[in-house]
Amino acid sequence: MVQDFSYTEYPEIYLGPISITAMTFLGLTFALQWMLSHTRHGREAYAIGDNIEAAHEAGIRVKRHKVINFVLCGTLAAISGILLSMRLGTAEPNAGRIWELWAIIAVVLGGTRLQGGYGSLWKTLGGVLTLAVLQNGLRLLNTPNYIELMVMGSVLVLALLLDRLMLAKK
């Protein structure tokens, strides 16, 4: 007997203690980390991020890699939007408001240089988890939204200062 399946039930499916949405996220993380560390595109993407002119002089087709990266980013954003809409049960246009700030903070907390050329998906995952714990703690303390934004902005400024200090040491 075939059972009806609603698209809004997908985020509520669990395999043990882990939701299928989290498993999708982890699966994509593993796949992208493999791509960055084991493919020509991944190695050349790091090279382009470090120095575009030098990458071009080394024979790397910079425009091609930029297009591939934008397509990957757009695809991942679409998957995220679909999963969020499924979780909420509606397509709310303001649901992801200010999430780009969270993404930047998580990446910087993970040790990725905003100038490019250095970073790790695993460290970024650590930044995401750290940020999630901080945000969850603030919400458990019933912190007003504007205070939460101030704390997250302060974390971003602190992470950027640490990045500058690490860059200055080299």
N, C-alpha and C. Protein backbone atom coordinates (compact mmCIF):
# COMPACT_ATOMS: atom_id res chain seq x y z
N MET A 1 0.84 -1.18 0.00
CA MET A 1 0.00 0.00 0.00
C MET A 1 0.89 1.24 0.00
N VAL A 2 0.62 2.15 -0.91
CA VAL A 2 1.39 3.38 -1.03
C VAL A 2 0.81 4.41 -0.08
N GLN A 3 1.69 5.01 0.68
CA GLN A 3 1.25 6.00 1.64
C GLN A 3 1.44 7.39 1.06
N ASP A 4 0.49 8.28 1.33
CA ASP A 4 0.62 9.67 0.88
C ASP A 4 1.80 10.33 1.59
N PHE A 5 2.52 11.15 0.83
CA PHE A 5 3.67 11.84 1.39
C PHE A 5 3.57 13.31 1.02
N SER A 6 3.55 14.16 2.00
CA SER A 6 3.49 15.59 1.78
C SER A 6 4.90 16.16 1.84
N TYR A 7 5.18 17.13 0.98
CA TYR A 7 6.52 17.72 0.96
C TYR A 7 6.86 18.39 2.27
N THR A 8 5.88 18.79 3.05
CA THR A 8 6.17 19.43 4.34
C THR A 8 6.59 18.42 5.39
N GLU A 9 6.43 17.13 5.12
CA GLU A 9 6.84 16.11 6.07
C GLU A 9 8.31 15.76 5.95
N TYR A 10 8.96 16.12 4.86
CA TYR A 10 10.36 15.78 4.63
C TYR A 10 11.27 16.25 5.76
N PRO A 11 11.18 17.50 6.22
CA PRO A 11 12.08 17.94 7.29
C PRO A 11 11.81 17.23 8.61
N GLU A 12 10.65 16.61 8.78
CA GLU A 12 10.30 15.95 10.03
C GLU A 12 10.70 14.47 10.05
N ILE A 13 11.32 13.98 8.98
CA ILE A 13 11.77 12.60 8.94
C ILE A 13 13.10 12.51 9.68
N TYR A 14 13.21 11.53 10.56
CA TYR A 14 14.42 11.34 11.34
C TYR A 14 14.99 9.95 11.10
N LEU A 15 16.29 9.88 10.99
CA LEU A 15 17.00 8.61 10.98
C LEU A 15 17.79 8.56 12.27
N GLY A 16 17.23 7.91 13.27
CA GLY A 16 17.81 7.96 14.60
C GLY A 16 17.55 9.35 15.16
N PRO A 17 18.57 9.96 15.76
CA PRO A 17 18.38 11.30 16.34
C PRO A 17 18.60 12.44 15.34
N ILE A 18 18.98 12.11 14.10
CA ILE A 18 19.35 13.15 13.13
C ILE A 18 18.24 13.32 12.09
N SER A 19 17.83 14.57 11.87
CA SER A 19 16.79 14.83 10.88
C SER A 19 17.34 14.65 9.48
N ILE A 20 16.46 14.40 8.55
CA ILE A 20 16.86 14.22 7.16
C ILE A 20 17.42 15.53 6.59
N THR A 21 16.95 16.65 7.10
CA THR A 21 17.49 17.95 6.66
C THR A 21 18.94 18.09 7.08
N ALA A 22 19.26 17.70 8.33
CA ALA A 22 20.64 17.75 8.80
C ALA A 22 21.51 16.77 8.01
N MET A 23 20.95 15.61 7.68
CA MET A 23 21.71 14.64 6.89
C MET A 23 21.97 15.16 5.48
N THR A 24 21.00 15.88 4.92
CA THR A 24 21.20 16.50 3.61
C THR A 24 22.34 17.51 3.69
N PHE A 25 22.33 18.33 4.73
CA PHE A 25 23.39 19.31 4.95
C PHE A 25 24.75 18.64 5.08
N LEU A 26 24.83 17.59 5.89
CA LEU A 26 26.10 16.90 6.08
C LEU A 26 26.57 16.21 4.80
N GLY A 27 25.63 15.64 4.06
CA GLY A 27 25.98 15.00 2.79
C GLY A 27 26.55 16.01 1.80
N LEU A 28 25.92 17.16 1.71
CA LEU A 28 26.43 18.21 0.82
C LEU A 28 27.79 18.72 1.30
N THR A 29 27.97 18.81 2.62
CA THR A 29 29.25 19.25 3.18
C THR A 29 30.36 18.28 2.79
N PHE A 30 30.11 16.98 2.96
CA PHE A 30 31.11 15.99 2.58
C PHE A 30 31.42 16.06 1.09
N ALA A 31 30.39 16.17 0.27
CA ALA A 31 30.58 16.21 -1.19
C ALA A 31 31.38 17.44 -1.60
N LEU A 32 31.05 18.58 -1.03
CA LEU A 32 31.76 19.81 -1.40
C LEU A 32 33.20 19.81 -0.89
N GLN A 33 33.42 19.28 0.31
CA GLN A 33 34.79 19.20 0.82
C GLN A 33 35.63 18.27 -0.06
N TRP A 34 35.03 17.17 -0.51
CA TRP A 34 35.75 16.27 -1.41
C TRP A 34 36.08 17.00 -2.71
N MET A 35 35.09 17.74 -3.23
CA MET A 35 35.32 18.47 -4.48
C MET A 35 36.45 19.49 -4.32
N LEU A 36 36.47 20.20 -3.20
CA LEU A 36 37.49 21.23 -2.99
C LEU A 36 38.89 20.64 -2.82
N SER A 37 38.98 19.46 -2.22
CA SER A 37 40.30 18.92 -1.93
C SER A 37 40.80 17.87 -2.93
N HIS A 38 39.92 17.33 -3.76
CA HIS A 38 40.34 16.24 -4.65
C HIS A 38 40.14 16.51 -6.14
N THR A 39 39.67 17.67 -6.51
CA THR A 39 39.45 17.93 -7.93
C THR A 39 40.30 19.12 -8.38
N ARG A 40 40.49 19.18 -9.66
CA ARG A 40 41.25 20.28 -10.25
C ARG A 40 40.54 21.61 -9.99
N HIS A 41 39.21 21.59 -10.12
CA HIS A 41 38.46 22.82 -9.89
C HIS A 41 38.67 23.34 -8.47
N GLY A 42 38.65 22.45 -7.49
CA GLY A 42 38.83 22.87 -6.10
C GLY A 42 40.19 23.51 -5.87
N ARG A 43 41.23 22.87 -6.36
CA ARG A 43 42.58 23.41 -6.18
C ARG A 43 42.72 24.76 -6.90
N GLU A 44 42.17 24.83 -8.10
CA GLU A 44 42.29 26.08 -8.85
C GLU A 44 41.42 27.18 -8.25
N ALA A 45 40.30 26.81 -7.63
CA ALA A 45 39.46 27.82 -6.96
C ALA A 45 40.21 28.46 -5.80
N TYR A 46 40.95 27.65 -5.04
CA TYR A 46 41.79 28.21 -3.98
C TYR A 46 42.86 29.13 -4.55
N ALA A 47 43.46 28.73 -5.66
CA ALA A 47 44.50 29.55 -6.28
C ALA A 47 43.94 30.87 -6.77
N ILE A 48 42.75 30.84 -7.34
CA ILE A 48 42.12 32.07 -7.82
C ILE A 48 41.81 33.00 -6.65
N GLY A 49 41.33 32.44 -5.55
CA GLY A 49 41.00 33.26 -4.39
C GLY A 49 42.22 33.93 -3.79
N ASP A 50 43.37 33.31 -3.92
CA ASP A 50 44.58 33.87 -3.34
C ASP A 50 45.10 35.05 -4.16
N ASN A 51 45.11 34.89 -5.49
CA ASN A 51 45.64 35.94 -6.35
C ASN A 51 45.13 35.72 -7.77
N ILE A 52 44.17 36.52 -8.19
CA ILE A 52 43.54 36.34 -9.50
C ILE A 52 44.54 36.52 -10.63
N GLU A 53 45.38 37.55 -10.54
CA GLU A 53 46.33 37.81 -11.61
C GLU A 53 47.33 36.66 -11.75
N ALA A 54 47.85 36.18 -10.63
CA ALA A 54 48.81 35.08 -10.68
C ALA A 54 48.15 33.81 -11.21
N ALA A 55 46.90 33.57 -10.83
CA ALA A 55 46.19 32.39 -11.32
C ALA A 55 46.00 32.48 -12.83
N HIS A 56 45.66 33.66 -13.31
CA HIS A 56 45.49 33.86 -14.75
C HIS A 56 46.81 33.64 -15.48
N GLU A 57 47.89 34.17 -14.92
CA GLU A 57 49.22 34.00 -15.52
C GLU A 57 49.67 32.54 -15.50
N ALA A 58 49.16 31.77 -14.53
CA ALA A 58 49.52 30.35 -14.43
C ALA A 58 48.71 29.48 -15.39
N GLY A 59 47.80 30.10 -16.13
CA GLY A 59 47.04 29.35 -17.12
C GLY A 59 45.69 28.86 -16.64
N ILE A 60 45.27 29.31 -15.47
CA ILE A 60 43.96 28.92 -14.95
C ILE A 60 42.89 29.78 -15.62
N ARG A 61 41.85 29.13 -16.10
CA ARG A 61 40.75 29.86 -16.74
C ARG A 61 39.84 30.42 -15.65
N VAL A 62 40.14 31.63 -15.23
CA VAL A 62 39.50 32.26 -14.08
C VAL A 62 38.00 32.44 -14.30
N LYS A 63 37.61 32.94 -15.46
CA LYS A 63 36.19 33.19 -15.73
C LYS A 63 35.37 31.92 -15.65
N ARG A 64 35.92 30.84 -16.18
CA ARG A 64 35.22 29.54 -16.15
C ARG A 64 34.98 29.09 -14.71
N HIS A 65 36.00 29.22 -13.88
CA HIS A 65 35.87 28.80 -12.48
C HIS A 65 34.91 29.70 -11.71
N LYS A 66 34.92 30.97 -12.02
CA LYS A 66 33.97 31.88 -11.37
C LYS A 66 32.54 31.50 -11.72
N VAL A 67 32.28 31.18 -12.97
CA VAL A 67 30.94 30.77 -13.38
C VAL A 67 30.53 29.49 -12.65
N ILE A 68 31.44 28.52 -12.60
CA ILE A 68 31.14 27.27 -11.89
C ILE A 68 30.82 27.56 -10.42
N ASN A 69 31.60 28.42 -9.78
CA ASN A 69 31.37 28.73 -8.37
C ASN A 69 30.05 29.45 -8.16
N PHE A 70 29.69 30.36 -9.07
CA PHE A 70 28.40 31.04 -8.94
C PHE A 70 27.25 30.06 -9.14
N VAL A 71 27.40 29.13 -10.07
CA VAL A 71 26.36 28.11 -10.28
C VAL A 71 26.22 27.24 -9.04
N LEU A 72 27.35 26.84 -8.44
CA LEU A 72 27.30 26.05 -7.21
C LEU A 72 26.62 26.82 -6.08
N CYS A 73 26.98 28.08 -5.93
CA CYS A 73 26.36 28.90 -4.87
C CYS A 73 24.87 29.05 -5.09
N GLY A 74 24.47 29.30 -6.33
CA GLY A 74 23.05 29.43 -6.63
C GLY A 74 22.29 28.14 -6.39
N THR A 75 22.89 27.02 -6.77
CA THR A 75 22.24 25.72 -6.55
C THR A 75 22.08 25.43 -5.06
N LEU A 76 23.13 25.69 -4.29
CA LEU A 76 23.05 25.46 -2.84
C LEU A 76 22.06 26.40 -2.18
N ALA A 77 21.98 27.64 -2.65
CA ALA A 77 20.99 28.58 -2.12
C ALA A 77 19.58 28.10 -2.44
N ALA A 78 19.38 27.57 -3.64
CA ALA A 78 18.06 27.04 -4.01
C ALA A 78 17.68 25.85 -3.14
N ILE A 79 18.64 24.95 -2.92
CA ILE A 79 18.36 23.78 -2.05
C ILE A 79 18.02 24.25 -0.65
N SER A 80 18.75 25.22 -0.15
CA SER A 80 18.48 25.76 1.20
C SER A 80 17.09 26.40 1.27
N GLY A 81 16.75 27.16 0.24
CA GLY A 81 15.43 27.79 0.21
C GLY A 81 14.31 26.77 0.15
N ILE A 82 14.50 25.72 -0.62
CA ILE A 82 13.49 24.67 -0.70
C ILE A 82 13.33 23.97 0.65
N LEU A 83 14.46 23.63 1.29
CA LEU A 83 14.39 22.97 2.59
C LEU A 83 13.73 23.87 3.64
N LEU A 84 14.05 25.15 3.61
CA LEU A 84 13.44 26.08 4.56
C LEU A 84 11.94 26.21 4.31
N SER A 85 11.54 26.32 3.05
CA SER A 85 10.11 26.41 2.73
C SER A 85 9.38 25.14 3.16
N MET A 86 10.02 23.99 2.98
CA MET A 86 9.40 22.75 3.41
C MET A 86 9.26 22.70 4.93
N ARG A 87 10.28 23.20 5.62
CA ARG A 87 10.24 23.19 7.09
C ARG A 87 9.15 24.13 7.62
N LEU A 88 9.04 25.30 7.00
CA LEU A 88 8.04 26.27 7.44
C LEU A 88 6.64 25.94 6.94
N GLY A 89 6.57 25.17 5.84
CA GLY A 89 5.28 24.85 5.25
C GLY A 89 4.74 25.97 4.38
N THR A 90 5.56 26.98 4.14
CA THR A 90 5.16 28.11 3.31
C THR A 90 6.41 28.75 2.71
N ALA A 91 6.23 29.49 1.66
CA ALA A 91 7.35 30.21 1.04
C ALA A 91 7.32 31.66 1.52
N GLU A 92 7.87 31.89 2.68
CA GLU A 92 7.90 33.21 3.28
C GLU A 92 9.12 33.98 2.77
N PRO A 93 8.92 35.09 2.05
CA PRO A 93 10.06 35.79 1.46
C PRO A 93 11.02 36.41 2.47
N ASN A 94 10.57 36.72 3.67
CA ASN A 94 11.44 37.33 4.67
C ASN A 94 12.02 36.31 5.65
N ALA A 95 11.83 35.02 5.39
CA ALA A 95 12.28 34.00 6.33
C ALA A 95 13.80 33.98 6.49
N GLY A 96 14.55 34.29 5.45
CA GLY A 96 16.00 34.25 5.50
C GLY A 96 16.64 35.61 5.67
N ARG A 97 15.86 36.56 6.16
CA ARG A 97 16.37 37.92 6.33
C ARG A 97 17.54 37.93 7.31
N ILE A 98 18.61 38.58 6.94
CA ILE A 98 19.84 38.78 7.71
C ILE A 98 20.66 37.49 7.82
N TRP A 99 20.28 36.43 7.14
CA TRP A 99 21.06 35.20 7.22
C TRP A 99 22.40 35.32 6.51
N GLU A 100 22.52 36.26 5.58
CA GLU A 100 23.81 36.45 4.94
C GLU A 100 24.84 36.91 5.97
N LEU A 101 24.39 37.68 6.98
CA LEU A 101 25.29 38.09 8.06
C LEU A 101 25.75 36.87 8.84
N TRP A 102 24.82 35.96 9.13
CA TRP A 102 25.19 34.73 9.86
C TRP A 102 26.19 33.91 9.04
N ALA A 103 25.97 33.85 7.75
CA ALA A 103 26.87 33.07 6.88
C ALA A 103 28.28 33.66 6.90
N ILE A 104 28.38 34.98 6.81
CA ILE A 104 29.70 35.62 6.83
C ILE A 104 30.38 35.39 8.18
N ILE A 105 29.62 35.53 9.27
CA ILE A 105 30.19 35.32 10.60
C ILE A 105 30.68 33.88 10.75
N ALA A 106 29.89 32.90 10.30
CA ALA A 106 30.28 31.49 10.42
C ALA A 106 31.54 31.20 9.62
N VAL A 107 31.64 31.76 8.43
CA VAL A 107 32.82 31.54 7.59
C VAL A 107 34.06 32.16 8.23
N VAL A 108 33.93 33.37 8.74
CA VAL A 108 35.07 34.04 9.37
C VAL A 108 35.46 33.33 10.66
N LEU A 109 34.46 32.88 11.45
CA LEU A 109 34.76 32.12 12.66
C LEU A 109 35.49 30.83 12.33
N GLY A 110 35.19 30.26 11.18
CA GLY A 110 35.85 29.05 10.74
C GLY A 110 37.27 29.25 10.25
N GLY A 111 37.72 30.47 10.18
CA GLY A 111 39.10 30.74 9.81
C GLY A 111 39.33 31.02 8.34
N THR A 112 38.26 31.13 7.55
CA THR A 112 38.44 31.44 6.14
C THR A 112 38.79 32.91 5.99
N ARG A 113 39.80 33.18 5.18
CA ARG A 113 40.19 34.56 4.93
C ARG A 113 39.26 35.18 3.91
N LEU A 114 38.78 36.36 4.19
CA LEU A 114 37.89 37.04 3.25
C LEU A 114 38.64 37.51 2.01
N GLN A 115 39.96 37.60 2.09
CA GLN A 115 40.75 37.96 0.92
C GLN A 115 40.87 36.78 -0.03
N GLY A 116 40.58 35.58 0.43
CA GLY A 116 40.60 34.39 -0.41
C GLY A 116 41.88 33.60 -0.27
N GLY A 117 41.85 32.40 -0.85
CA GLY A 117 43.03 31.55 -0.90
C GLY A 117 43.22 30.63 0.27
N TYR A 118 42.48 30.82 1.35
CA TYR A 118 42.65 29.99 2.53
C TYR A 118 41.30 29.74 3.16
N GLY A 119 41.05 28.49 3.51
CA GLY A 119 39.82 28.15 4.18
C GLY A 119 39.59 26.65 4.12
N SER A 120 38.66 26.21 4.92
CA SER A 120 38.33 24.79 4.97
C SER A 120 36.85 24.66 5.27
N LEU A 121 36.22 23.76 4.58
CA LEU A 121 34.80 23.54 4.82
C LEU A 121 34.56 22.98 6.21
N TRP A 122 35.48 22.15 6.69
CA TRP A 122 35.32 21.58 8.04
C TRP A 122 35.43 22.66 9.11
N LYS A 123 36.35 23.59 8.92
CA LYS A 123 36.47 24.69 9.89
C LYS A 123 35.25 25.60 9.81
N THR A 124 34.73 25.81 8.61
CA THR A 124 33.51 26.59 8.46
C THR A 124 32.35 25.89 9.16
N LEU A 125 32.29 24.57 9.06
CA LEU A 125 31.27 23.81 9.78
C LEU A 125 31.40 24.04 11.29
N GLY A 126 32.63 24.11 11.78
CA GLY A 126 32.85 24.44 13.18
C GLY A 126 32.35 25.83 13.52
N GLY A 127 32.55 26.77 12.61
CA GLY A 127 32.03 28.13 12.80
C GLY A 127 30.52 28.15 12.82
N VAL A 128 29.89 27.34 11.95
CA VAL A 128 28.43 27.25 11.92
C VAL A 128 27.92 26.69 13.26
N LEU A 129 28.54 25.63 13.74
CA LEU A 129 28.11 25.03 15.01
C LEU A 129 28.32 25.98 16.19
N THR A 130 29.46 26.67 16.20
CA THR A 130 29.72 27.65 17.26
C THR A 130 28.67 28.76 17.25
N LEU A 131 28.37 29.25 16.08
CA LEU A 131 27.38 30.31 15.94
C LEU A 131 25.99 29.81 16.35
N ALA A 132 25.66 28.58 16.00
CA ALA A 132 24.36 28.02 16.36
C ALA A 132 24.22 27.88 17.87
N VAL A 133 25.29 27.44 18.53
CA VAL A 133 25.26 27.31 19.99
C VAL A 133 25.10 28.68 20.64
N LEU A 134 25.85 29.68 20.14
CA LEU A 134 25.76 31.04 20.68
C LEU A 134 24.36 31.61 20.49
N GLN A 135 23.83 31.45 19.29
CA GLN A 135 22.50 31.97 18.98
C GLN A 135 21.43 31.26 19.82
N ASN A 136 21.54 29.95 19.96
CA ASN A 136 20.59 29.20 20.77
C ASN A 136 20.66 29.63 22.23
N GLY A 137 21.88 29.84 22.75
CA GLY A 137 22.03 30.30 24.12
C GLY A 137 21.39 31.66 24.35
N LEU A 138 21.58 32.57 23.39
CA LEU A 138 20.97 33.89 23.52
C LEU A 138 19.44 33.80 23.50
N ARG A 139 18.92 32.91 22.68
CA ARG A 139 17.46 32.76 22.62
C ARG A 139 16.91 32.10 23.88
N LEU A 140 17.67 31.17 24.47
CA LEU A 140 17.23 30.56 25.73
C LEU A 140 17.22 31.57 26.86
N LEU A 141 18.06 32.58 26.76
CA LEU A 141 18.10 33.64 27.77
C LEU A 141 17.06 34.73 27.50
N ASN A 142 16.22 34.51 26.47
CA ASN A 142 15.19 35.48 26.08
C ASN A 142 15.79 36.85 25.77
N THR A 143 16.89 36.84 25.08
CA THR A 143 17.56 38.08 24.69
C THR A 143 16.77 38.74 23.57
N PRO A 144 16.53 40.04 23.65
CA PRO A 144 15.84 40.72 22.56
C PRO A 144 16.62 40.61 21.25
N ASN A 145 15.91 40.71 20.15
CA ASN A 145 16.51 40.53 18.84
C ASN A 145 17.63 41.52 18.57
N TYR A 146 17.45 42.77 18.97
CA TYR A 146 18.49 43.77 18.69
C TYR A 146 19.76 43.48 19.49
N ILE A 147 19.64 42.92 20.68
CA ILE A 147 20.82 42.54 21.46
C ILE A 147 21.53 41.36 20.79
N GLU A 148 20.73 40.41 20.30
CA GLU A 148 21.29 39.26 19.59
C GLU A 148 22.09 39.73 18.38
N LEU A 149 21.54 40.68 17.62
CA LEU A 149 22.25 41.22 16.46
C LEU A 149 23.53 41.94 16.88
N MET A 150 23.48 42.66 18.00
CA MET A 150 24.69 43.35 18.48
C MET A 150 25.76 42.35 18.88
N VAL A 151 25.37 41.28 19.56
CA VAL A 151 26.34 40.25 19.96
C VAL A 151 26.95 39.60 18.72
N MET A 152 26.11 39.24 17.75
CA MET A 152 26.62 38.60 16.54
C MET A 152 27.53 39.55 15.75
N GLY A 153 27.18 40.81 15.69
CA GLY A 153 28.04 41.79 15.03
C GLY A 153 29.37 41.93 15.76
N SER A 154 29.33 41.91 17.08
CA SER A 154 30.57 41.97 17.87
C SER A 154 31.44 40.74 17.63
N VAL A 155 30.81 39.58 17.51
CA VAL A 155 31.55 38.35 17.21
C VAL A 155 32.22 38.48 15.85
N LEU A 156 31.51 39.04 14.87
CA LEU A 156 32.09 39.23 13.54
C LEU A 156 33.28 40.18 13.60
N VAL A 157 33.15 41.29 14.28
CA VAL A 157 34.25 42.25 14.39
C VAL A 157 35.44 41.60 15.09
N LEU A 158 35.20 40.84 16.14
CA LEU A 158 36.27 40.16 16.86
C LEU A 158 36.97 39.14 15.95
N ALA A 159 36.19 38.38 15.21
CA ALA A 159 36.77 37.39 14.29
C ALA A 159 37.60 38.06 13.21
N LEU A 160 37.12 39.19 12.69
CA LEU A 160 37.89 39.92 11.67
C LEU A 160 39.18 40.50 12.24
N LEU A 161 39.12 40.98 13.48
CA LEU A 161 40.34 41.48 14.12
C LEU A 161 41.35 40.37 14.32
N LEU A 162 40.88 39.20 14.75
CA LEU A 162 41.78 38.05 14.91
C LEU A 162 42.37 37.63 13.56
N ASP A 163 41.56 37.70 12.51
CA ASP A 163 42.05 37.37 11.18
C ASP A 163 43.15 38.34 10.76
N ARG A 164 42.96 39.61 11.02
CA ARG A 164 43.97 40.62 10.69
C ARG A 164 45.26 40.39 11.49
N LEU A 165 45.11 40.04 12.78
CA LEU A 165 46.29 39.78 13.60
C LEU A 165 47.06 38.57 13.09
N MET A 166 46.34 37.52 12.70
CA MET A 166 46.99 36.33 12.16
C MET A 166 47.68 36.64 10.84
N LEU A 167 47.05 37.48 10.02
CA LEU A 167 47.62 37.86 8.73
C LEU A 167 48.89 38.70 8.94
N ALA A 168 48.86 39.56 9.97
CA ALA A 168 49.99 40.43 10.25
C ALA A 168 51.20 39.64 10.76
N LYS A 169 50.96 38.51 11.44
CA LYS A 169 52.05 37.69 11.97
C LYS A 169 52.83 37.00 10.86
N LYS A 170 52.18 36.78 9.71
CA LYS A 170 52.85 36.07 8.61
C LYS A 170 53.70 36.95 7.81
